[in-house]
Amino acid sequence: MRPRIRRPGPLLLVLVALLALIVFPLYELVRGVFTETDASVVDVLASPALREAAFGTLWSALAVTALTLTGATAAALVIERSPRRIRRWMRIGVLLPLLLPPFVSALSWVTAYGRGGLVDDLISVTMPGLFGPFGVVLVITVNALPLAYLVVAAALATRADADLELAARSAGADAATVLRTVTLPALRPALVGGGALVFVVAINAFGIPAVLGTPAGFTTVTTRIYRDLAFSADPAAFSRVLVLAALLVLVTLIVVGTADATAGSRRRPLHRVETPSALPATPRRRDRIALAVVGGYTLVATVIPVLALVLMALTRAVGVTPTPNNWTTANFAEAWSGGTWRAMGNSVVISGVAALVVLVLAGGLILVERKLATRPLGTVAALSFAVPGSALAVAMLLAYGPWLRDTVLLILVAYLAKFWALGHRPLAGAATSLSADVVWAARVSGADRTTTLRTVIVPMLRPAVIAAWLLVFLFGLHELTMSSLLYGPDTATLAVVTLNLQQLGDATVTSALAVALTAIVALAAVPLVWVWRSWTRMGAR
């Protein structure tokens, strides 16, 4: 018998939200490809410039995926099986790039390894190919590696069977054979899923190609959409934008769908590794080498770029040696002049409201899933997060632009569609572990639905609620792709203002604003880390 929902309010809320935030905008995007383009899709894609952008996006995304999966798998195997005394520090080193918005990371690499950068000033060495496809692939890899690492490390803790590895080693297999025949096959679903995630992140990247690729003439689909939508006066530009946005959605759905089907068809039983000590102990010398490698990577990938960005923000002018005698705070004062404070307010308000509304939508979606004992609606919400931001922004312009253009509401609607899954996943995971016996005991004791919700369910879900709100707020603060396409004269966000300053070529003031944005994001991330650790301890108990 099919389950019924006696109170249809949550179901109506979820269905209306899915239709308004995801289905209708994407329908308008697909419809616009065939009704609002002057030429056929084939003719538009036949343009040499568009072929170059599509090819650049595809091969760079594949390169990022290969490099990131290799690095993340190696890092997870080394870090998660290292002694506890050094494991935490190595994890921090690998995850540190998460605190940097992607385009700020690109700016920091320019100030560190570009011509006239920190390393050039110190030892007269610059990184060849930083501006161009090599730099774009490298910096996107650095930013995507923490995400892939989290996926692989989680799978390593739940799918890798230590007993099988020990048995293989006891049978005479060397470490390479065990890795190839036991460990990697167990991690295959995670590698497929992590690879799909990284590929989507790579084709969705906008800030890094805009900073490192555009000056060298390297174009991706996202930067081409931005240029055609923001700067082009060609009547055919909007046709190109529609086709490219639809192409991004199609590629994303194919990759995500294939990855889900592949991972599902190869699913293995879960085997919990109680502690890394169940595996063969690694020699202390190997531990020291691993710590040195991770430390060196952290120094090159994060510490030096961030230090260079801070020094550039403090230096009086470009080309001046960044010594204390040449330091000034005037760059920060100039960075916050004009409309920057308004942009800051826009970022905080839009991100905060989006986080609150996402909590309501996520709660309604969880209620519907539990009543119907099915998850297709949650899958649709998750797919919206995978849709590239530039494509989603174009879809929002088509769907709601006639009424909401140049307003914060248009950006807010885009944030809700994009970040719904970020709020849903933590709450859904916590709700799954919620004990039905406790809720039933409260009802048997005479508590009504409202009292049970207020005194039992909400306190048990409080860490997940806080984590979900902070996660959406954090992503909203440094979101750039959608905001750069949807903002109006008075609705620019802090990330958009930073990008506009960078395009004007004022390196010192841009660096000052980028440092401020990074500090704000880092401060917002501190409570999230605290909540996550508290939640983990609570689960352990």
Protein backbone atom coordinates (compact mmCIF):
# COMPACT_ATOMS: atom_id res chain seq x y z
CA MET A 1 0.00 0.00 0.00
CA ARG A 2 1.42 3.37 -1.00
CA PRO A 3 2.10 5.64 2.01
CA ARG A 4 -0.07 8.75 2.35
CA ILE A 5 0.80 12.14 3.78
CA ARG A 6 -2.06 13.28 5.99
CA ARG A 7 -0.69 16.83 6.08
CA PRO A 8 0.26 17.74 2.50
CA GLY A 9 1.93 21.03 3.48
CA PRO A 10 5.56 19.76 3.33
CA LEU A 11 4.90 17.92 0.06
CA LEU A 12 3.37 21.01 -1.56
CA LEU A 13 6.26 23.17 -0.29
CA VAL A 14 8.85 20.79 -1.71
CA LEU A 15 7.11 20.33 -5.06
CA VAL A 16 6.59 24.09 -5.54
CA ALA A 17 10.20 24.80 -4.57
CA LEU A 18 11.56 22.13 -6.92
CA LEU A 19 9.46 23.43 -9.78
CA ALA A 20 10.28 27.08 -9.14
CA LEU A 21 13.98 26.75 -8.33
CA ILE A 22 15.14 23.91 -10.59
CA VAL A 23 12.65 22.49 -13.09
CA PHE A 24 11.22 25.75 -14.48
CA PRO A 25 14.59 27.58 -14.93
CA LEU A 26 16.21 24.58 -16.62
CA TYR A 27 13.13 24.13 -18.82
CA GLU A 28 13.39 27.79 -19.84
CA LEU A 29 17.07 27.27 -20.65
CA VAL A 30 16.38 24.29 -22.90
CA ARG A 31 13.41 26.03 -24.51
CA GLY A 32 15.48 29.14 -25.13
CA VAL A 33 18.08 27.14 -27.03
CA PHE A 34 15.50 26.25 -29.66
CA THR A 35 13.35 29.39 -29.65
CA GLU A 36 15.67 32.32 -28.98
CA THR A 37 18.71 31.43 -31.08
CA ASP A 38 18.96 32.90 -34.56
CA ALA A 39 21.04 30.00 -35.89
CA SER A 40 20.82 26.28 -35.30
CA VAL A 41 22.66 24.68 -32.41
CA VAL A 42 25.02 22.98 -34.83
CA ASP A 43 25.86 26.29 -36.49
CA VAL A 44 26.55 27.93 -33.13
CA LEU A 45 28.80 25.09 -32.00
CA ALA A 46 30.59 25.18 -35.35
CA SER A 47 32.09 28.55 -34.45
CA PRO A 48 35.89 28.16 -34.05
CA ALA A 49 35.87 30.29 -30.88
CA LEU A 50 33.21 28.14 -29.24
CA ARG A 51 34.91 24.91 -30.29
CA GLU A 52 38.11 26.21 -28.74
CA ALA A 53 36.31 27.10 -25.49
CA ALA A 54 34.55 23.71 -25.33
CA PHE A 55 37.74 21.81 -26.11
CA GLY A 56 39.72 23.80 -23.54
CA THR A 57 37.09 23.14 -20.90
CA LEU A 58 36.95 19.41 -21.64
CA TRP A 59 40.65 18.62 -21.71
CA SER A 60 41.47 20.84 -18.72
CA ALA A 61 38.67 19.22 -16.69
CA LEU A 62 39.95 15.74 -17.57
CA ALA A 63 43.50 16.75 -16.63
CA VAL A 64 42.32 18.22 -13.31
CA THR A 65 40.32 15.07 -12.57
CA ALA A 66 43.26 12.75 -13.24
CA LEU A 67 45.73 14.84 -11.23
CA THR A 68 43.34 15.42 -8.35
CA LEU A 69 42.27 11.79 -7.97
CA THR A 70 45.89 10.63 -8.04
CA GLY A 71 46.97 13.19 -5.46
CA ALA A 72 43.94 12.74 -3.22
CA THR A 73 44.22 8.94 -3.21
CA ALA A 74 47.91 9.06 -2.40
CA ALA A 75 47.31 11.64 0.33
CA ALA A 76 44.46 9.62 1.88
CA LEU A 77 46.46 6.38 1.88
CA VAL A 78 49.42 8.09 3.53
CA ILE A 79 47.64 10.40 5.97
CA GLU A 80 44.84 8.13 7.19
CA ARG A 81 47.32 5.35 7.94
CA SER A 82 49.87 7.51 9.70
CA PRO A 83 50.24 7.69 13.49
CA ARG A 84 47.65 9.84 15.21
CA ARG A 85 50.26 12.27 16.50
CA ILE A 86 50.94 13.60 12.99
CA ARG A 87 47.71 12.74 11.21
CA ARG A 88 45.85 15.85 12.34
CA TRP A 89 48.55 18.20 11.09
CA MET A 90 48.73 16.53 7.71
CA ARG A 91 44.94 16.68 7.36
CA ILE A 92 45.00 20.41 8.09
CA GLY A 93 47.69 20.90 5.46
CA VAL A 94 45.68 19.14 2.76
CA LEU A 95 42.34 20.76 3.67
CA LEU A 96 43.66 24.31 4.12
CA PRO A 97 42.86 25.42 0.51
CA LEU A 98 39.16 25.05 1.33
CA LEU A 99 39.37 28.35 3.21
CA LEU A 100 40.40 30.21 0.06
CA PRO A 101 37.74 31.19 -2.48
CA PRO A 102 38.97 29.82 -5.83
CA PHE A 103 39.56 33.17 -7.52
CA VAL A 104 41.39 34.43 -4.41
CA SER A 105 43.57 31.34 -4.66
CA ALA A 106 44.37 32.30 -8.27
CA LEU A 107 45.25 35.84 -7.18
CA SER A 108 47.49 34.51 -4.43
CA TRP A 109 49.40 32.30 -6.87
CA VAL A 110 49.96 35.28 -9.15
CA THR A 111 51.35 37.38 -6.29
CA ALA A 112 53.52 34.46 -5.17
CA TYR A 113 54.89 32.94 -8.37
CA GLY A 114 54.16 35.48 -11.11
CA ARG A 115 56.52 38.06 -12.53
CA GLY A 116 57.32 40.57 -9.79
CA GLY A 117 55.82 38.25 -7.17
CA LEU A 118 57.22 37.25 -3.80
CA VAL A 119 59.36 34.36 -5.05
CA ASP A 120 60.64 36.51 -7.92
CA ASP A 121 61.67 39.21 -5.44
CA LEU A 122 63.40 36.72 -3.13
CA ILE A 123 65.22 34.35 -5.49
CA SER A 124 64.44 35.76 -8.98
CA VAL A 125 62.36 32.72 -10.00
CA THR A 126 58.92 32.76 -11.62
CA MET A 127 56.63 29.86 -12.46
CA PRO A 128 56.60 29.31 -16.23
CA GLY A 129 53.15 28.91 -17.73
CA LEU A 130 51.30 30.29 -14.70
CA PHE A 131 49.16 32.38 -17.03
CA GLY A 132 47.60 29.89 -19.39
CA PRO A 133 46.25 26.34 -19.38
CA PHE A 134 49.05 24.97 -17.18
CA GLY A 135 48.35 27.47 -14.41
CA VAL A 136 44.59 27.00 -14.69
CA VAL A 137 44.86 23.21 -14.37
CA LEU A 138 47.38 23.45 -11.52
CA VAL A 139 45.42 25.89 -9.34
CA ILE A 140 42.06 24.18 -9.94
CA THR A 141 43.73 20.91 -8.91
CA VAL A 142 44.97 22.48 -5.67
CA ASN A 143 41.46 23.76 -4.91
CA ALA A 144 39.68 20.52 -5.83
CA LEU A 145 42.08 18.14 -4.07
CA PRO A 146 40.60 18.67 -0.55
CA LEU A 147 37.14 17.66 -1.80
CA ALA A 148 38.44 14.49 -3.43
CA TYR A 149 40.55 13.76 -0.35
CA LEU A 150 37.48 13.89 1.90
CA VAL A 151 35.62 11.45 -0.36
CA VAL A 152 38.51 8.98 -0.59
CA ALA A 153 39.40 9.24 3.11
CA ALA A 154 35.79 8.54 4.12
CA ALA A 155 35.70 5.51 1.83
CA LEU A 156 39.02 4.33 3.16
CA ALA A 157 37.55 4.33 6.67
CA THR A 158 34.41 2.40 5.70
CA ARG A 159 35.19 0.24 2.65
CA ALA A 160 38.82 -0.79 2.94
CA ASP A 161 39.01 -4.13 4.72
CA ALA A 162 42.17 -4.29 6.83
CA ASP A 163 41.84 -8.07 7.20
CA LEU A 164 41.97 -8.58 3.43
CA GLU A 165 45.05 -6.38 3.16
CA LEU A 166 46.76 -8.21 6.00
CA ALA A 167 45.88 -11.54 4.42
CA ALA A 168 47.34 -10.43 1.10
CA ARG A 169 50.53 -9.26 2.78
CA SER A 170 50.78 -12.53 4.72
CA ALA A 171 50.41 -14.46 1.45
CA GLY A 172 53.53 -12.74 0.12
CA ALA A 173 52.05 -9.84 -1.87
CA ASP A 174 54.09 -6.67 -1.78
CA ALA A 175 52.61 -3.25 -1.01
CA ALA A 176 52.07 -2.36 -4.69
CA THR A 177 50.20 -5.62 -5.36
CA VAL A 178 47.98 -5.14 -2.29
CA LEU A 179 47.20 -1.60 -3.42
CA ARG A 180 46.34 -2.73 -6.96
CA THR A 181 44.36 -5.89 -6.14
CA VAL A 182 42.74 -5.13 -2.77
CA THR A 183 42.68 -1.47 -1.73
CA LEU A 184 41.89 0.29 -5.00
CA PRO A 185 39.09 -2.12 -5.99
CA ALA A 186 37.48 -1.47 -2.60
CA LEU A 187 37.77 2.27 -3.19
CA ARG A 188 36.47 2.15 -6.77
CA PRO A 189 32.96 3.54 -6.01
CA ALA A 190 34.50 6.45 -4.08
CA LEU A 191 37.02 7.10 -6.84
CA VAL A 192 34.25 7.16 -9.44
CA GLY A 193 32.10 9.47 -7.33
CA GLY A 194 35.04 11.67 -6.39
CA GLY A 195 36.12 11.84 -10.01
CA ALA A 196 32.64 12.99 -11.07
CA LEU A 197 32.66 15.63 -8.32
CA VAL A 198 36.07 16.94 -9.37
CA PHE A 199 35.12 16.97 -13.05
CA VAL A 200 31.98 18.99 -12.28
CA VAL A 201 34.02 21.42 -10.15
CA ALA A 202 36.53 21.79 -12.99
CA ILE A 203 34.04 22.52 -15.77
CA ASN A 204 32.19 24.86 -13.38
CA ALA A 205 35.35 26.82 -12.52
CA PHE A 206 35.16 30.47 -13.44
CA GLY A 207 37.34 32.59 -11.15
CA ILE A 208 40.57 30.68 -11.77
CA PRO A 209 40.27 30.64 -15.60
CA ALA A 210 39.26 34.31 -15.50
CA VAL A 211 42.38 35.30 -13.53
CA LEU A 212 44.94 32.91 -15.03
CA GLY A 213 43.51 31.91 -18.41
CA THR A 214 41.97 35.03 -19.90
CA PRO A 215 45.19 37.14 -19.92
CA ALA A 216 46.91 34.36 -21.91
CA GLY A 217 44.02 33.87 -24.33
CA PHE A 218 42.95 30.54 -22.82
CA THR A 219 39.14 30.44 -22.90
CA THR A 220 36.76 28.06 -21.18
CA VAL A 221 33.01 27.76 -21.52
CA THR A 222 32.40 29.66 -18.26
CA THR A 223 34.65 32.59 -19.15
CA ARG A 224 33.13 32.69 -22.64
CA ILE A 225 29.62 32.86 -21.16
CA TYR A 226 30.73 35.67 -18.85
CA ARG A 227 32.34 37.65 -21.66
CA ASP A 228 29.37 37.27 -24.03
CA LEU A 229 26.80 38.09 -21.37
CA ALA A 230 28.63 40.95 -19.67
CA PHE A 231 30.57 42.69 -22.42
CA SER A 232 29.46 41.63 -25.91
CA ALA A 233 27.19 43.87 -28.00
CA ASP A 234 26.87 41.24 -30.72
CA PRO A 235 23.19 40.19 -31.17
CA ALA A 236 24.36 36.61 -31.62
CA ALA A 237 26.12 36.64 -28.23
CA PHE A 238 23.01 35.60 -26.29
CA SER A 239 22.50 32.66 -28.63
CA ARG A 240 26.02 31.50 -27.88
CA VAL A 241 25.38 31.90 -24.16
CA LEU A 242 22.25 29.73 -24.29
CA VAL A 243 23.93 26.97 -26.27
CA LEU A 244 27.02 26.93 -24.06
CA ALA A 245 24.96 26.91 -20.85
CA ALA A 246 22.81 24.03 -22.12
CA LEU A 247 25.97 22.20 -23.16
CA LEU A 248 27.36 22.50 -19.62
CA VAL A 249 24.14 21.12 -18.15
CA LEU A 250 24.13 18.20 -20.60
CA VAL A 251 27.75 17.27 -19.91
CA THR A 252 27.20 17.53 -16.16
CA LEU A 253 24.13 15.29 -16.19
CA ILE A 254 25.90 12.70 -18.35
CA VAL A 255 28.95 12.61 -16.08
CA VAL A 256 26.99 12.53 -12.81
CA GLY A 257 24.50 9.97 -14.10
CA THR A 258 27.24 7.70 -15.43
CA ALA A 259 29.18 7.97 -12.18
CA ASP A 260 26.11 7.11 -10.09
CA ALA A 261 25.28 4.12 -12.29
CA THR A 262 28.87 2.88 -12.24
CA ALA A 263 29.29 3.30 -8.49
CA GLY A 264 25.97 1.65 -7.80
CA SER A 265 26.73 -1.34 -10.00
CA ARG A 266 30.03 -1.94 -8.22
CA ARG A 267 28.82 -1.43 -4.67
CA ARG A 268 30.57 -3.65 -2.12
CA PRO A 269 29.70 -4.54 1.45
CA LEU A 270 31.02 -2.08 3.99
CA HIS A 271 33.94 -3.10 6.19
CA ARG A 272 34.88 -0.86 9.05
CA VAL A 273 38.54 -0.30 9.85
CA GLU A 274 38.62 0.21 13.57
CA THR A 275 42.01 1.94 13.72
CA PRO A 276 44.90 2.47 11.37
CA SER A 277 46.95 0.34 13.76
CA ALA A 278 45.17 -2.73 12.37
CA LEU A 279 47.30 -2.29 9.28
CA PRO A 280 51.01 -2.96 9.11
CA ALA A 281 52.87 -0.28 11.03
CA THR A 282 54.83 2.16 8.94
CA PRO A 283 58.43 2.86 9.88
CA ARG A 284 59.14 6.15 11.61
CA ARG A 285 61.40 7.17 8.75
CA ARG A 286 58.51 6.76 6.32
CA ASP A 287 56.28 8.82 8.65
CA ARG A 288 58.84 11.61 8.67
CA ILE A 289 59.07 11.53 4.88
CA ALA A 290 55.27 11.66 4.56
CA LEU A 291 55.07 14.58 6.99
CA ALA A 292 57.81 16.41 5.07
CA VAL A 293 56.06 15.86 1.72
CA VAL A 294 52.67 17.07 3.01
CA GLY A 295 54.36 19.98 4.76
CA GLY A 296 56.20 20.94 1.57
CA TYR A 297 52.99 20.74 -0.44
CA THR A 298 51.18 22.94 2.10
CA LEU A 299 54.01 25.46 2.02
CA VAL A 300 54.05 25.71 -1.78
CA ALA A 301 50.31 25.42 -2.44
CA THR A 302 48.87 27.53 0.38
CA VAL A 303 51.27 29.20 2.81
CA ILE A 304 53.53 31.02 0.33
CA PRO A 305 50.61 32.19 -1.88
CA VAL A 306 48.64 33.49 1.10
CA LEU A 307 51.73 35.18 2.56
CA ALA A 308 52.44 36.79 -0.81
CA LEU A 309 48.84 38.03 -1.03
CA VAL A 310 49.04 39.57 2.44
CA LEU A 311 52.38 41.24 1.67
CA MET A 312 51.02 42.61 -1.60
CA ALA A 313 48.03 44.02 0.28
CA LEU A 314 50.39 45.76 2.71
CA THR A 315 52.85 47.10 0.11
CA ARG A 316 52.60 50.70 -1.07
CA ALA A 317 52.80 49.91 -4.79
CA VAL A 318 53.47 47.13 -7.27
CA GLY A 319 57.19 46.56 -7.81
CA VAL A 320 58.17 47.86 -4.38
CA THR A 321 60.02 45.41 -2.12
CA PRO A 322 57.51 44.11 0.48
CA THR A 323 59.60 45.05 3.52
CA PRO A 324 58.16 46.66 6.68
CA ASN A 325 59.47 50.06 5.57
CA ASN A 326 57.15 49.89 2.55
CA TRP A 327 54.07 48.63 4.36
CA THR A 328 50.85 50.62 4.58
CA THR A 329 47.22 50.10 5.51
CA ALA A 330 46.05 52.58 2.89
CA ASN A 331 45.26 49.75 0.47
CA PHE A 332 42.72 48.34 2.90
CA ALA A 333 41.14 51.75 3.41
CA GLU A 334 40.87 52.26 -0.34
CA ALA A 335 39.54 48.74 -0.86
CA TRP A 336 36.64 49.43 1.50
CA SER A 337 35.77 52.80 -0.01
CA GLY A 338 32.98 53.36 -2.49
CA GLY A 339 30.45 50.57 -2.75
CA THR A 340 32.44 47.85 -1.01
CA TRP A 341 30.55 48.11 2.26
CA ARG A 342 27.27 47.82 0.35
CA ALA A 343 28.65 44.74 -1.43
CA MET A 344 29.64 43.31 1.94
CA GLY A 345 26.12 43.87 3.21
CA ASN A 346 24.68 42.23 0.11
CA SER A 347 26.90 39.17 0.59
CA VAL A 348 26.00 38.76 4.26
CA VAL A 349 22.26 39.34 3.80
CA ILE A 350 21.86 37.16 0.71
CA SER A 351 23.97 34.33 2.18
CA GLY A 352 22.26 34.51 5.57
CA VAL A 353 18.72 34.56 4.16
CA ALA A 354 19.61 31.80 1.70
CA ALA A 355 20.89 29.66 4.56
CA LEU A 356 17.68 30.16 6.57
CA VAL A 357 15.38 29.39 3.62
CA VAL A 358 17.49 26.36 2.67
CA LEU A 359 16.96 24.98 6.19
CA VAL A 360 13.18 25.23 5.73
CA LEU A 361 13.34 23.62 2.29
CA ALA A 362 15.67 20.89 3.52
CA GLY A 363 13.41 20.14 6.49
CA GLY A 364 10.37 19.86 4.23
CA LEU A 365 12.25 17.58 1.86
CA ILE A 366 13.30 15.30 4.72
CA LEU A 367 9.70 15.04 5.98
CA VAL A 368 8.49 14.10 2.51
CA GLU A 369 11.26 11.53 2.06
CA ARG A 370 10.51 9.88 5.41
CA LYS A 371 6.77 9.75 4.74
CA LEU A 372 7.08 8.40 1.22
CA ALA A 373 10.13 6.20 1.97
CA THR A 374 11.75 7.38 -1.26
CA ARG A 375 14.55 9.73 -2.32
CA PRO A 376 13.95 10.87 -5.92
CA LEU A 377 13.13 14.42 -4.82
CA GLY A 378 16.37 14.60 -2.86
CA THR A 379 18.22 13.43 -5.95
CA VAL A 380 16.73 16.27 -7.99
CA ALA A 381 17.85 18.78 -5.36
CA ALA A 382 21.34 17.25 -5.39
CA LEU A 383 21.54 17.50 -9.17
CA SER A 384 20.98 21.26 -8.96
CA PHE A 385 24.21 21.55 -6.99
CA ALA A 386 26.02 19.71 -9.77
CA VAL A 387 24.66 22.03 -12.48
CA PRO A 388 27.40 24.59 -13.28
CA GLY A 389 26.75 27.99 -11.74
CA SER A 390 27.09 29.86 -15.03
CA ALA A 391 24.44 27.64 -16.66
CA LEU A 392 22.15 27.99 -13.64
CA ALA A 393 22.56 31.77 -13.72
CA VAL A 394 21.56 31.91 -17.38
CA ALA A 395 18.54 29.73 -16.60
CA MET A 396 17.53 32.12 -13.80
CA LEU A 397 17.85 35.10 -16.15
CA LEU A 398 15.51 33.43 -18.63
CA ALA A 399 13.01 32.33 -15.98
CA TYR A 400 12.92 35.34 -13.65
CA GLY A 401 14.96 38.05 -15.34
CA PRO A 402 11.91 39.96 -16.69
CA TRP A 403 10.70 40.51 -13.10
CA LEU A 404 13.78 40.30 -10.88
CA ARG A 405 16.67 41.55 -13.04
CA ASP A 406 19.24 43.67 -11.12
CA THR A 407 17.72 42.77 -7.73
CA VAL A 408 19.11 40.79 -4.81
CA LEU A 409 16.10 38.49 -5.11
CA LEU A 410 17.42 37.10 -8.38
CA ILE A 411 20.76 36.23 -6.77
CA LEU A 412 18.93 34.80 -3.75
CA VAL A 413 16.80 32.50 -5.93
CA ALA A 414 19.96 31.26 -7.67
CA TYR A 415 21.64 30.60 -4.31
CA LEU A 416 18.61 28.62 -3.10
CA ALA A 417 18.65 26.42 -6.19
CA LYS A 418 22.40 25.87 -6.05
CA PHE A 419 22.84 25.31 -2.30
CA TRP A 420 19.68 23.39 -1.42
CA ALA A 421 21.64 20.13 -1.40
CA LEU A 422 24.26 21.61 0.96
CA GLY A 423 21.59 22.11 3.61
CA HIS A 424 19.73 18.90 2.88
CA ARG A 425 22.61 16.43 3.16
CA PRO A 426 23.74 17.25 6.77
CA LEU A 427 20.15 17.35 8.03
CA ALA A 428 19.22 14.14 6.21
CA GLY A 429 22.22 12.35 7.68
CA ALA A 430 21.34 13.49 11.20
CA ALA A 431 17.64 12.65 10.75
CA THR A 432 18.55 9.13 9.63
CA SER A 433 20.33 8.51 12.93
CA LEU A 434 17.51 10.06 14.97
CA SER A 435 16.10 7.50 17.38
CA ALA A 436 12.39 6.85 16.81
CA ASP A 437 12.12 5.37 20.32
CA VAL A 438 12.92 8.73 21.94
CA VAL A 439 10.28 10.49 19.85
CA TRP A 440 7.75 7.76 20.61
CA ALA A 441 8.50 7.98 24.33
CA ALA A 442 7.81 11.71 24.31
CA ARG A 443 4.47 11.18 22.54
CA VAL A 444 3.48 8.37 24.93
CA SER A 445 4.31 10.68 27.86
CA GLY A 446 1.68 13.14 26.64
CA ALA A 447 3.75 15.57 24.56
CA ASP A 448 2.00 16.89 21.47
CA ARG A 449 3.70 17.26 18.07
CA THR A 450 4.89 20.83 18.75
CA THR A 451 6.29 19.99 22.17
CA THR A 452 8.02 16.89 20.83
CA LEU A 453 9.54 18.91 18.03
CA ARG A 454 10.71 21.67 20.38
CA THR A 455 12.00 19.56 23.28
CA VAL A 456 13.24 16.37 21.59
CA ILE A 457 13.81 16.60 17.84
CA VAL A 458 15.25 20.12 17.57
CA PRO A 459 17.82 19.67 20.40
CA MET A 460 18.98 16.38 18.85
CA LEU A 461 19.29 17.96 15.40
CA ARG A 462 20.77 21.27 16.60
CA PRO A 463 24.39 20.49 15.59
CA ALA A 464 23.27 19.44 12.10
CA VAL A 465 21.07 22.54 11.75
CA ILE A 466 23.93 24.83 12.73
CA ALA A 467 26.34 23.00 10.43
CA ALA A 468 23.94 23.18 7.50
CA TRP A 469 23.32 26.91 8.02
CA LEU A 470 27.03 27.66 8.30
CA LEU A 471 27.84 25.56 5.24
CA VAL A 472 25.36 27.39 3.02
CA PHE A 473 26.41 30.75 4.46
CA LEU A 474 30.08 29.98 3.83
CA PHE A 475 29.53 28.95 0.22
CA GLY A 476 27.35 32.00 -0.33
CA LEU A 477 30.01 34.38 0.96
CA HIS A 478 32.59 33.39 -1.63
CA GLU A 479 30.25 32.49 -4.51
CA LEU A 480 31.33 34.30 -7.68
CA THR A 481 30.15 32.47 -10.80
CA MET A 482 26.42 33.14 -10.50
CA SER A 483 26.78 36.51 -8.79
CA SER A 484 29.02 37.89 -11.56
CA LEU A 485 26.29 37.17 -14.13
CA LEU A 486 23.26 38.25 -12.09
CA TYR A 487 24.33 41.37 -10.18
CA GLY A 488 23.04 44.85 -10.97
CA PRO A 489 24.23 48.40 -10.21
CA ASP A 490 23.45 48.10 -6.48
CA THR A 491 23.50 44.32 -5.96
CA ALA A 492 27.16 43.40 -6.41
CA THR A 493 28.55 40.99 -3.82
CA LEU A 494 31.97 41.23 -2.19
CA ALA A 495 33.36 38.52 -4.48
CA VAL A 496 32.14 40.41 -7.56
CA VAL A 497 33.71 43.67 -6.36
CA THR A 498 37.01 41.85 -5.84
CA LEU A 499 36.91 40.40 -9.36
CA ASN A 500 36.07 43.79 -10.86
CA LEU A 501 39.01 45.37 -9.06
CA GLN A 502 41.31 42.64 -10.37
CA GLN A 503 40.15 43.28 -13.93
CA LEU A 504 40.93 46.99 -13.50
CA GLY A 505 44.54 46.01 -12.75
CA ASP A 506 44.95 47.52 -9.26
CA ALA A 507 46.93 44.68 -7.72
CA THR A 508 47.54 46.12 -4.25
CA VAL A 509 43.95 47.17 -3.57
CA THR A 510 42.66 43.93 -5.08
CA SER A 511 44.96 41.96 -2.79
CA ALA A 512 43.74 43.93 0.22
CA LEU A 513 40.11 43.14 -0.59
CA ALA A 514 40.96 39.49 -1.33
CA VAL A 515 42.69 39.19 2.05
CA ALA A 516 39.63 40.69 3.75
CA LEU A 517 37.29 38.28 1.94
CA THR A 518 39.49 35.31 2.89
CA ALA A 519 39.54 36.43 6.52
CA ILE A 520 35.74 36.70 6.56
CA VAL A 521 35.38 33.23 5.05
CA ALA A 522 37.90 31.81 7.53
CA LEU A 523 36.05 33.37 10.47
CA ALA A 524 32.80 31.89 9.19
CA ALA A 525 34.48 28.48 8.90
CA VAL A 526 35.69 28.40 12.52
CA PRO A 527 32.22 27.74 14.01
CA LEU A 528 31.64 25.09 11.36
CA VAL A 529 34.79 23.23 12.42
CA TRP A 530 33.79 23.51 16.08
CA VAL A 531 30.27 22.21 15.39
CA TRP A 532 31.65 19.35 13.31
CA ARG A 533 34.08 18.27 16.05
CA SER A 534 31.38 18.51 18.71
CA TRP A 535 29.02 16.48 16.53
CA THR A 536 31.72 13.86 15.95
CA ARG A 537 32.39 13.54 19.70
CA MET A 538 28.65 13.27 20.36
CA GLY A 539 28.35 10.50 17.77
CA ALA A 540 31.33 8.68 19.26
CA ARG A 541 29.72 8.70 22.67
